[in-house]
Amino acid sequence: MHHKFFGFRENPFMLAPNPAYLFLGKSHEEAMAHLIYAVSEGEGFISLIGNQGVGKTTICRTFIDRLDENTEVAYIFKPELRPGGLLKKINSEFNISAVTDDAKDLIDALNSFLMQKRVEGKKVVLFFDDAQNLKKNVLEQVRLLSNLETTRDKLLQIVLVGEPILADMLDSHALRQIGQRVSVSYYINPLTYEETCAYIYHRMSIASQGTRVQFDARALKRIYKFTSGIPRMINATCDRALFVAYTLNRPGVTEKIARTAIMDLSG
């Protein structure tokens, strides 16, 4: 209801990723550039690190949407915690038919698929989101998959996407063999204050049907301080601020309204 009150076609601050609302800060653009470079150069292991809600999944989804038909992609959002289950999930995402629980058979089926794609001149990229949740034995299975290669090239490129603890895991002695194989890594920073302001108005302009809703400068500064430039938090805070403004029958968001919204979200 409050979205219609402000003249929006839909909620401009929905939490679900929507390509139509894509906004990339400088750090996000650099992360995208690193992905493009790594995949084009055939790098084996790639890592993309960032705090929860900073936009890692959005970057990956946008990157995948821009790929042409010469790249096969599988995106695993909730990785299996067992090596055998992980192999079955990977094959399923690549539409590889393999009715078996035997690890060797699953890897053989995957290898045949990768060899066929190489003959067709295609790259194959595998994304693991929330990779910080993978256990050591599962990550070891992932490392073994990187051994699938010809005498010249890797058959499979693996992108590990996760929170900062993933970087610590890859730097640890226990996982040094996989950490040493990560040839391209990038840490995504939150939006700056200027980018946060641009992000807020960018999303509202896309959803707007003509009316421009104003957030005063002090409200924007308070929202930035609370969210630290994390897009997911910005969305939640701005949506709550608009709701508070609606209940007060106000045409925009003042500092007091932003403070009330933040108090609500903080419990």
C-alpha atoms as a PDB file:
ATOM      1  CA  MET A   1       0.000   0.000   0.000  1.00  0.00           C
ATOM      2  CA  HIS A   2       2.723   2.521   0.913  1.00  0.00           C
ATOM      3  CA  HIS A   3       4.453   2.002  -2.427  1.00  0.00           C
ATOM      4  CA  LYS A   4       1.347   3.194  -4.291  1.00  0.00           C
ATOM      5  CA  PHE A   5       1.111   6.159  -1.908  1.00  0.00           C
ATOM      6  CA  PHE A   6       4.475   7.371  -3.249  1.00  0.00           C
ATOM      7  CA  GLY A   7       3.599   6.658  -6.881  1.00  0.00           C
ATOM      8  CA  PHE A   8       5.718   3.536  -7.344  1.00  0.00           C
ATOM      9  CA  ARG A   9       4.664   0.752  -9.705  1.00  0.00           C
ATOM     10  CA  GLU A  10       6.270  -1.732  -7.330  1.00  0.00           C
ATOM     11  CA  ASN A  11       8.490  -1.845  -4.280  1.00  0.00           C
ATOM     12  CA  PRO A  12      11.779  -0.130  -5.287  1.00  0.00           C
ATOM     13  CA  PHE A  13      13.566  -1.697  -2.320  1.00  0.00           C
ATOM     14  CA  MET A  14      12.583  -5.344  -2.699  1.00  0.00           C
ATOM     15  CA  LEU A  15      15.157  -7.693  -1.191  1.00  0.00           C
ATOM     16  CA  ALA A  16      14.993 -10.244  -4.022  1.00  0.00           C
ATOM     17  CA  PRO A  17      17.602  -9.609  -6.758  1.00  0.00           C
ATOM     18  CA  ASN A  18      16.075  -7.963  -9.827  1.00  0.00           C
ATOM     19  CA  PRO A  19      18.301  -7.286 -12.881  1.00  0.00           C
ATOM     20  CA  ALA A  20      16.113  -4.299 -13.791  1.00  0.00           C
ATOM     21  CA  TYR A  21      17.377  -2.489 -10.677  1.00  0.00           C
ATOM     22  CA  LEU A  22      21.048  -3.277 -11.192  1.00  0.00           C
ATOM     23  CA  PHE A  23      23.375  -0.669  -9.704  1.00  0.00           C
ATOM     24  CA  LEU A  24      27.105  -1.286  -9.585  1.00  0.00           C
ATOM     25  CA  GLY A  25      29.397   0.733  -7.365  1.00  0.00           C
ATOM     26  CA  LYS A  26      33.072   1.079  -8.275  1.00  0.00           C
ATOM     27  CA  SER A  27      34.033  -2.015  -6.266  1.00  0.00           C
ATOM     28  CA  HIS A  28      31.232  -4.028  -7.886  1.00  0.00           C
ATOM     29  CA  GLU A  29      32.369  -2.972 -11.352  1.00  0.00           C
ATOM     30  CA  GLU A  30      35.921  -4.039 -10.526  1.00  0.00           C
ATOM     31  CA  ALA A  31      34.650  -7.395  -9.260  1.00  0.00           C
ATOM     32  CA  MET A  32      32.790  -7.859 -12.541  1.00  0.00           C
ATOM     33  CA  ALA A  33      35.948  -6.984 -14.472  1.00  0.00           C
ATOM     34  CA  HIS A  34      37.912  -9.581 -12.495  1.00  0.00           C
ATOM     35  CA  LEU A  35      35.323 -12.242 -13.319  1.00  0.00           C
ATOM     36  CA  ILE A  36      35.351 -11.361 -17.006  1.00  0.00           C
ATOM     37  CA  TYR A  37      39.152 -11.467 -17.120  1.00  0.00           C
ATOM     38  CA  ALA A  38      39.444 -14.728 -15.180  1.00  0.00           C
ATOM     39  CA  VAL A  39      36.910 -16.603 -17.303  1.00  0.00           C
ATOM     40  CA  SER A  40      38.235 -15.252 -20.596  1.00  0.00           C
ATOM     41  CA  GLU A  41      41.779 -16.260 -19.636  1.00  0.00           C
ATOM     42  CA  GLY A  42      40.733 -19.736 -18.486  1.00  0.00           C
ATOM     43  CA  GLU A  43      41.878 -19.321 -14.875  1.00  0.00           C
ATOM     44  CA  GLY A  44      41.152 -22.451 -12.836  1.00  0.00           C
ATOM     45  CA  PHE A  45      40.148 -21.118  -9.424  1.00  0.00           C
ATOM     46  CA  ILE A  46      38.558 -17.728  -8.757  1.00  0.00           C
ATOM     47  CA  SER A  47      37.304 -16.327  -5.451  1.00  0.00           C
ATOM     48  CA  LEU A  48      34.836 -13.507  -4.864  1.00  0.00           C
ATOM     49  CA  ILE A  49      34.682 -12.342  -1.247  1.00  0.00           C
ATOM     50  CA  GLY A  50      32.394  -9.895   0.510  1.00  0.00           C
ATOM     51  CA  ASN A  51      30.222  -9.318   3.545  1.00  0.00           C
ATOM     52  CA  GLN A  52      26.696 -10.677   3.644  1.00  0.00           C
ATOM     53  CA  GLY A  53      24.348  -8.534   1.559  1.00  0.00           C
ATOM     54  CA  VAL A  54      27.093  -6.621  -0.258  1.00  0.00           C
ATOM     55  CA  GLY A  55      25.937  -7.848  -3.680  1.00  0.00           C
ATOM     56  CA  LYS A  56      28.045 -10.912  -4.484  1.00  0.00           C
ATOM     57  CA  THR A  57      25.126 -12.928  -5.840  1.00  0.00           C
ATOM     58  CA  THR A  58      23.877  -9.972  -7.886  1.00  0.00           C
ATOM     59  CA  ILE A  59      27.289  -9.599  -9.519  1.00  0.00           C
ATOM     60  CA  CYS A  60      27.478 -13.303 -10.329  1.00  0.00           C
ATOM     61  CA  ARG A  61      23.950 -13.421 -11.740  1.00  0.00           C
ATOM     62  CA  THR A  62      24.598 -10.340 -13.864  1.00  0.00           C
ATOM     63  CA  PHE A  63      27.856 -11.812 -15.126  1.00  0.00           C
ATOM     64  CA  ILE A  64      26.121 -15.076 -16.050  1.00  0.00           C
ATOM     65  CA  ASP A  65      23.299 -13.249 -17.837  1.00  0.00           C
ATOM     66  CA  ARG A  66      25.853 -11.488 -20.038  1.00  0.00           C
ATOM     67  CA  LEU A  67      27.638 -14.658 -21.153  1.00  0.00           C
ATOM     68  CA  ASP A  68      27.121 -15.928 -24.681  1.00  0.00           C
ATOM     69  CA  GLU A  69      26.304 -19.451 -25.850  1.00  0.00           C
ATOM     70  CA  ASN A  70      29.979 -20.397 -25.836  1.00  0.00           C
ATOM     71  CA  THR A  71      30.004 -20.729 -22.047  1.00  0.00           C
ATOM     72  CA  GLU A  72      28.230 -23.405 -20.024  1.00  0.00           C
ATOM     73  CA  VAL A  73      27.452 -22.355 -16.453  1.00  0.00           C
ATOM     74  CA  ALA A  74      26.214 -24.085 -13.303  1.00  0.00           C
ATOM     75  CA  TYR A  75      25.362 -22.030 -10.237  1.00  0.00           C
ATOM     76  CA  ILE A  76      25.093 -23.838  -6.920  1.00  0.00           C
ATOM     77  CA  PHE A  77      23.499 -21.577  -4.337  1.00  0.00           C
ATOM     78  CA  LYS A  78      23.287 -23.982  -1.409  1.00  0.00           C
ATOM     79  CA  PRO A  79      26.260 -26.349  -1.746  1.00  0.00           C
ATOM     80  CA  GLU A  80      25.853 -29.897  -0.511  1.00  0.00           C
ATOM     81  CA  LEU A  81      27.838 -30.651   2.629  1.00  0.00           C
ATOM     82  CA  ARG A  82      28.778 -34.180   1.538  1.00  0.00           C
ATOM     83  CA  PRO A  83      31.288 -34.910  -1.266  1.00  0.00           C
ATOM     84  CA  GLY A  84      29.029 -37.494  -2.933  1.00  0.00           C
ATOM     85  CA  GLY A  85      25.990 -35.237  -2.743  1.00  0.00           C
ATOM     86  CA  LEU A  86      28.014 -32.368  -4.165  1.00  0.00           C
ATOM     87  CA  LEU A  87      29.063 -34.384  -7.226  1.00  0.00           C
ATOM     88  CA  LYS A  88      25.461 -35.382  -7.908  1.00  0.00           C
ATOM     89  CA  LYS A  89      24.362 -31.761  -7.565  1.00  0.00           C
ATOM     90  CA  ILE A  90      27.039 -30.557  -9.989  1.00  0.00           C
ATOM     91  CA  ASN A  91      26.094 -33.145 -12.594  1.00  0.00           C
ATOM     92  CA  SER A  92      22.424 -32.310 -12.164  1.00  0.00           C
ATOM     93  CA  GLU A  93      23.082 -28.587 -12.702  1.00  0.00           C
ATOM     94  CA  PHE A  94      24.933 -29.389 -15.926  1.00  0.00           C
ATOM     95  CA  ASN A  95      22.111 -31.763 -16.983  1.00  0.00           C
ATOM     96  CA  ILE A  96      24.504 -34.698 -16.981  1.00  0.00           C
ATOM     97  CA  SER A  97      22.666 -37.993 -16.805  1.00  0.00           C
ATOM     98  CA  ALA A  98      24.341 -40.254 -14.252  1.00  0.00           C
ATOM     99  CA  VAL A  99      22.140 -42.539 -12.152  1.00  0.00           C
ATOM    100  CA  THR A 100      24.739 -43.593  -9.621  1.00  0.00           C
ATOM    101  CA  ASP A 101      26.093 -42.759  -6.168  1.00  0.00           C
ATOM    102  CA  ASP A 102      29.605 -43.913  -6.995  1.00  0.00           C
ATOM    103  CA  ALA A 103      32.039 -40.983  -6.870  1.00  0.00           C
ATOM    104  CA  LYS A 104      34.261 -42.338  -9.640  1.00  0.00           C
ATOM    105  CA  ASP A 105      31.316 -42.822 -11.986  1.00  0.00           C
ATOM    106  CA  LEU A 106      30.057 -39.322 -11.240  1.00  0.00           C
ATOM    107  CA  ILE A 107      33.473 -37.798 -11.939  1.00  0.00           C
ATOM    108  CA  ASP A 108      33.852 -39.854 -15.129  1.00  0.00           C
ATOM    109  CA  ALA A 109      30.471 -38.604 -16.356  1.00  0.00           C
ATOM    110  CA  LEU A 110      31.473 -35.018 -15.564  1.00  0.00           C
ATOM    111  CA  ASN A 111      34.822 -35.439 -17.278  1.00  0.00           C
ATOM    112  CA  SER A 112      33.150 -36.785 -20.437  1.00  0.00           C
ATOM    113  CA  PHE A 113      30.826 -33.782 -20.440  1.00  0.00           C
ATOM    114  CA  LEU A 114      33.754 -31.378 -20.036  1.00  0.00           C
ATOM    115  CA  MET A 115      35.737 -33.040 -22.840  1.00  0.00           C
ATOM    116  CA  GLN A 116      32.739 -32.779 -25.158  1.00  0.00           C
ATOM    117  CA  LYS A 117      32.342 -29.093 -24.384  1.00  0.00           C
ATOM    118  CA  ARG A 118      36.023 -28.547 -25.072  1.00  0.00           C
ATOM    119  CA  VAL A 119      35.599 -30.215 -28.480  1.00  0.00           C
ATOM    120  CA  GLU A 120      32.681 -27.812 -29.097  1.00  0.00           C
ATOM    121  CA  GLY A 121      34.953 -24.894 -28.206  1.00  0.00           C
ATOM    122  CA  LYS A 122      33.012 -23.970 -25.074  1.00  0.00           C
ATOM    123  CA  LYS A 123      34.139 -22.894 -21.625  1.00  0.00           C
ATOM    124  CA  VAL A 124      32.559 -24.438 -18.530  1.00  0.00           C
ATOM    125  CA  VAL A 125      32.228 -22.432 -15.321  1.00  0.00           C
ATOM    126  CA  LEU A 126      30.988 -23.662 -11.945  1.00  0.00           C
ATOM    127  CA  PHE A 127      29.883 -21.202  -9.230  1.00  0.00           C
ATOM    128  CA  PHE A 128      29.650 -22.083  -5.541  1.00  0.00           C
ATOM    129  CA  ASP A 129      27.747 -19.452  -3.571  1.00  0.00           C
ATOM    130  CA  ASP A 130      27.995 -19.461   0.240  1.00  0.00           C
ATOM    131  CA  ALA A 131      31.219 -21.413  -0.209  1.00  0.00           C
ATOM    132  CA  GLN A 132      32.271 -20.560   3.354  1.00  0.00           C
ATOM    133  CA  ASN A 133      29.785 -23.221   4.491  1.00  0.00           C
ATOM    134  CA  LEU A 134      31.627 -26.030   2.712  1.00  0.00           C
ATOM    135  CA  LYS A 135      33.478 -28.431   4.973  1.00  0.00           C
ATOM    136  CA  LYS A 136      37.132 -29.261   4.414  1.00  0.00           C
ATOM    137  CA  ASN A 137      36.451 -32.685   2.897  1.00  0.00           C
ATOM    138  CA  VAL A 138      33.984 -31.146   0.445  1.00  0.00           C
ATOM    139  CA  LEU A 139      36.436 -28.401  -0.508  1.00  0.00           C
ATOM    140  CA  GLU A 140      39.005 -31.121  -1.074  1.00  0.00           C
ATOM    141  CA  GLN A 141      36.561 -32.738  -3.505  1.00  0.00           C
ATOM    142  CA  VAL A 142      36.228 -29.379  -5.259  1.00  0.00           C
ATOM    143  CA  ARG A 143      40.014 -29.164  -5.499  1.00  0.00           C
ATOM    144  CA  LEU A 144      40.160 -32.585  -7.129  1.00  0.00           C
ATOM    145  CA  LEU A 145      37.677 -31.396  -9.743  1.00  0.00           C
ATOM    146  CA  SER A 146      40.184 -28.736 -10.747  1.00  0.00           C
ATOM    147  CA  ASN A 147      42.488 -31.564 -11.845  1.00  0.00           C
ATOM    148  CA  LEU A 148      40.173 -32.253 -14.773  1.00  0.00           C
ATOM    149  CA  GLU A 149      42.271 -30.789 -17.566  1.00  0.00           C
ATOM    150  CA  THR A 150      43.991 -31.361 -20.875  1.00  0.00           C
ATOM    151  CA  THR A 151      47.726 -30.966 -21.345  1.00  0.00           C
ATOM    152  CA  ARG A 152      47.117 -27.278 -22.085  1.00  0.00           C
ATOM    153  CA  ASP A 153      43.961 -26.066 -20.371  1.00  0.00           C
ATOM    154  CA  LYS A 154      41.656 -26.494 -17.420  1.00  0.00           C
ATOM    155  CA  LEU A 155      38.387 -28.133 -18.434  1.00  0.00           C
ATOM    156  CA  LEU A 156      36.494 -26.572 -15.549  1.00  0.00           C
ATOM    157  CA  GLN A 157      36.709 -23.098 -14.031  1.00  0.00           C
ATOM    158  CA  ILE A 158      35.540 -22.819 -10.443  1.00  0.00           C
ATOM    159  CA  VAL A 159      34.328 -19.624  -8.774  1.00  0.00           C
ATOM    160  CA  LEU A 160      34.122 -19.683  -4.967  1.00  0.00           C
ATOM    161  CA  VAL A 161      31.772 -16.986  -3.676  1.00  0.00           C
ATOM    162  CA  GLY A 162      31.579 -16.342   0.035  1.00  0.00           C
ATOM    163  CA  GLU A 163      31.905 -14.179   3.115  1.00  0.00           C
ATOM    164  CA  PRO A 164      35.284 -13.009   4.529  1.00  0.00           C
ATOM    165  CA  ILE A 165      35.704 -16.224   6.530  1.00  0.00           C
ATOM    166  CA  LEU A 166      36.156 -17.983   3.180  1.00  0.00           C
ATOM    167  CA  ALA A 167      39.344 -15.978   2.588  1.00  0.00           C
ATOM    168  CA  ASP A 168      40.629 -17.073   6.001  1.00  0.00           C
ATOM    169  CA  MET A 169      39.810 -20.692   5.152  1.00  0.00           C
ATOM    170  CA  LEU A 170      41.698 -20.511   1.857  1.00  0.00           C
ATOM    171  CA  ASP A 171      44.694 -18.941   3.619  1.00  0.00           C
ATOM    172  CA  SER A 172      44.785 -21.665   6.269  1.00  0.00           C
ATOM    173  CA  HIS A 173      47.428 -24.384   6.358  1.00  0.00           C
ATOM    174  CA  ALA A 174      44.772 -27.103   6.194  1.00  0.00           C
ATOM    175  CA  LEU A 175      43.451 -25.812   2.858  1.00  0.00           C
ATOM    176  CA  ARG A 176      46.722 -24.537   1.429  1.00  0.00           C
ATOM    177  CA  GLN A 177      46.492 -26.827  -1.614  1.00  0.00           C
ATOM    178  CA  ILE A 178      43.258 -25.232  -2.755  1.00  0.00           C
ATOM    179  CA  GLY A 179      44.235 -21.729  -1.587  1.00  0.00           C
ATOM    180  CA  GLN A 180      47.394 -21.844  -3.699  1.00  0.00           C
ATOM    181  CA  ARG A 181      45.300 -22.599  -6.785  1.00  0.00           C
ATOM    182  CA  VAL A 182      43.187 -19.456  -6.516  1.00  0.00           C
ATOM    183  CA  SER A 183      44.770 -17.322  -9.224  1.00  0.00           C
ATOM    184  CA  VAL A 184      42.239 -14.470  -9.280  1.00  0.00           C
ATOM    185  CA  SER A 185      40.621 -13.140  -6.099  1.00  0.00           C
ATOM    186  CA  TYR A 186      38.640 -10.003  -5.370  1.00  0.00           C
ATOM    187  CA  TYR A 187      37.157  -8.514  -2.183  1.00  0.00           C
ATOM    188  CA  ILE A 188      33.961  -6.530  -2.782  1.00  0.00           C
ATOM    189  CA  ASN A 189      33.694  -3.368  -0.709  1.00  0.00           C
ATOM    190  CA  PRO A 190      30.362  -1.813   0.359  1.00  0.00           C
ATOM    191  CA  LEU A 191      29.018   1.287  -1.376  1.00  0.00           C
ATOM    192  CA  THR A 192      30.485   4.662  -0.458  1.00  0.00           C
ATOM    193  CA  TYR A 193      28.214   7.402   0.891  1.00  0.00           C
ATOM    194  CA  GLU A 194      27.926   8.996  -2.562  1.00  0.00           C
ATOM    195  CA  GLU A 195      27.184   5.604  -4.115  1.00  0.00           C
ATOM    196  CA  THR A 196      24.594   4.871  -1.435  1.00  0.00           C
ATOM    197  CA  CYS A 197      22.716   8.069  -2.277  1.00  0.00           C
ATOM    198  CA  ALA A 198      22.910   7.293  -5.999  1.00  0.00           C
ATOM    199  CA  TYR A 199      21.758   3.722  -5.324  1.00  0.00           C
ATOM    200  CA  ILE A 200      18.663   4.874  -3.427  1.00  0.00           C
ATOM    201  CA  TYR A 201      17.571   7.352  -6.102  1.00  0.00           C
ATOM    202  CA  HIS A 202      18.439   4.933  -8.888  1.00  0.00           C
ATOM    203  CA  ARG A 203      16.061   2.313  -7.521  1.00  0.00           C
ATOM    204  CA  MET A 204      13.289   4.831  -6.883  1.00  0.00           C
ATOM    205  CA  SER A 205      13.586   6.307 -10.385  1.00  0.00           C
ATOM    206  CA  ILE A 206      13.100   2.859 -11.947  1.00  0.00           C
ATOM    207  CA  ALA A 207      10.002   2.091  -9.855  1.00  0.00           C
ATOM    208  CA  SER A 208       8.582   5.613 -10.045  1.00  0.00           C
ATOM    209  CA  GLN A 209       5.642   6.587 -12.212  1.00  0.00           C
ATOM    210  CA  GLY A 210       6.659  10.224 -12.248  1.00  0.00           C
ATOM    211  CA  THR A 211       6.743  11.497  -8.677  1.00  0.00           C
ATOM    212  CA  ARG A 212      10.204  11.937  -7.164  1.00  0.00           C
ATOM    213  CA  VAL A 213      10.338  11.038  -3.476  1.00  0.00           C
ATOM    214  CA  GLN A 214      12.915  12.977  -1.496  1.00  0.00           C
ATOM    215  CA  PHE A 215      15.202  11.716   1.268  1.00  0.00           C
ATOM    216  CA  ASP A 216      16.729  14.745   2.960  1.00  0.00           C
ATOM    217  CA  ALA A 217      20.504  14.903   3.355  1.00  0.00           C
ATOM    218  CA  ARG A 218      20.526  14.107   7.067  1.00  0.00           C
ATOM    219  CA  ALA A 219      18.254  11.101   6.490  1.00  0.00           C
ATOM    220  CA  LEU A 220      20.636   9.790   3.825  1.00  0.00           C
ATOM    221  CA  LYS A 221      23.620  10.215   6.151  1.00  0.00           C
ATOM    222  CA  ARG A 222      21.830   8.379   8.953  1.00  0.00           C
ATOM    223  CA  ILE A 223      20.850   5.532   6.601  1.00  0.00           C
ATOM    224  CA  TYR A 224      24.425   5.241   5.345  1.00  0.00           C
ATOM    225  CA  LYS A 225      25.825   5.174   8.878  1.00  0.00           C
ATOM    226  CA  PHE A 226      23.392   2.426   9.882  1.00  0.00           C
ATOM    227  CA  THR A 227      23.806   0.270   6.764  1.00  0.00           C
ATOM    228  CA  SER A 228      27.547   0.831   6.164  1.00  0.00           C
ATOM    229  CA  GLY A 229      26.780   0.846   2.441  1.00  0.00           C
ATOM    230  CA  ILE A 230      25.518  -2.756   2.338  1.00  0.00           C
ATOM    231  CA  PRO A 231      22.835  -2.882  -0.416  1.00  0.00           C
ATOM    232  CA  ARG A 232      20.637  -5.447   1.330  1.00  0.00           C
ATOM    233  CA  MET A 233      20.565  -3.325   4.489  1.00  0.00           C
ATOM    234  CA  ILE A 234      19.930  -0.171   2.458  1.00  0.00           C
ATOM    235  CA  ASN A 235      16.893  -1.818   0.865  1.00  0.00           C
ATOM    236  CA  ALA A 236      15.458  -2.935   4.192  1.00  0.00           C
ATOM    237  CA  THR A 237      16.044   0.465   5.804  1.00  0.00           C
ATOM    238  CA  CYS A 238      14.633   2.530   2.941  1.00  0.00           C
ATOM    239  CA  ASP A 239      11.569   0.340   2.642  1.00  0.00           C
ATOM    240  CA  ARG A 240      10.876   0.731   6.344  1.00  0.00           C
ATOM    241  CA  ALA A 241      11.491   4.498   6.126  1.00  0.00           C
ATOM    242  CA  LEU A 242       8.935   4.822   3.324  1.00  0.00           C
ATOM    243  CA  PHE A 243       6.442   2.856   5.384  1.00  0.00           C
ATOM    244  CA  VAL A 244       6.953   5.165   8.365  1.00  0.00           C
ATOM    245  CA  ALA A 245       6.552   8.224   6.100  1.00  0.00           C
ATOM    246  CA  TYR A 246       3.335   6.724   4.733  1.00  0.00           C
ATOM    247  CA  THR A 247       1.873   6.173   8.201  1.00  0.00           C
ATOM    248  CA  LEU A 248       2.632   9.819   9.004  1.00  0.00           C
ATOM    249  CA  ASN A 249       1.231  10.978   5.637  1.00  0.00           C
ATOM    250  CA  ARG A 250       4.553  12.611   4.753  1.00  0.00           C
ATOM    251  CA  PRO A 251       5.703  13.045   1.108  1.00  0.00           C
ATOM    252  CA  GLY A 252       9.332  12.190   1.822  1.00  0.00           C
ATOM    253  CA  VAL A 253      11.833  10.836   4.333  1.00  0.00           C
ATOM    254  CA  THR A 254      13.269  13.149   6.978  1.00  0.00           C
ATOM    255  CA  GLU A 255      16.022  12.388   9.462  1.00  0.00           C
ATOM    256  CA  LYS A 256      13.431  11.742  12.170  1.00  0.00           C
ATOM    257  CA  ILE A 257      11.600   9.256   9.927  1.00  0.00           C
ATOM    258  CA  ALA A 258      14.879   7.528   9.042  1.00  0.00           C
ATOM    259  CA  ARG A 259      15.765   7.332  12.745  1.00  0.00           C
ATOM    260  CA  THR A 260      12.388   5.766  13.540  1.00  0.00           C
ATOM    261  CA  ALA A 261      12.830   3.200  10.747  1.00  0.00           C
ATOM    262  CA  ILE A 262      16.289   2.304  12.010  1.00  0.00           C
ATOM    263  CA  MET A 263      14.979   1.887  15.569  1.00  0.00           C
ATOM    264  CA  ASP A 264      12.264  -0.437  14.241  1.00  0.00           C
ATOM    265  CA  LEU A 265      14.809  -2.564  12.382  1.00  0.00           C
ATOM    266  CA  SER A 266      17.087  -2.627  15.401  1.00  0.00           C
ATOM    267  CA  GLY A 267      14.287  -4.040  17.538  1.00  0.00           C
END
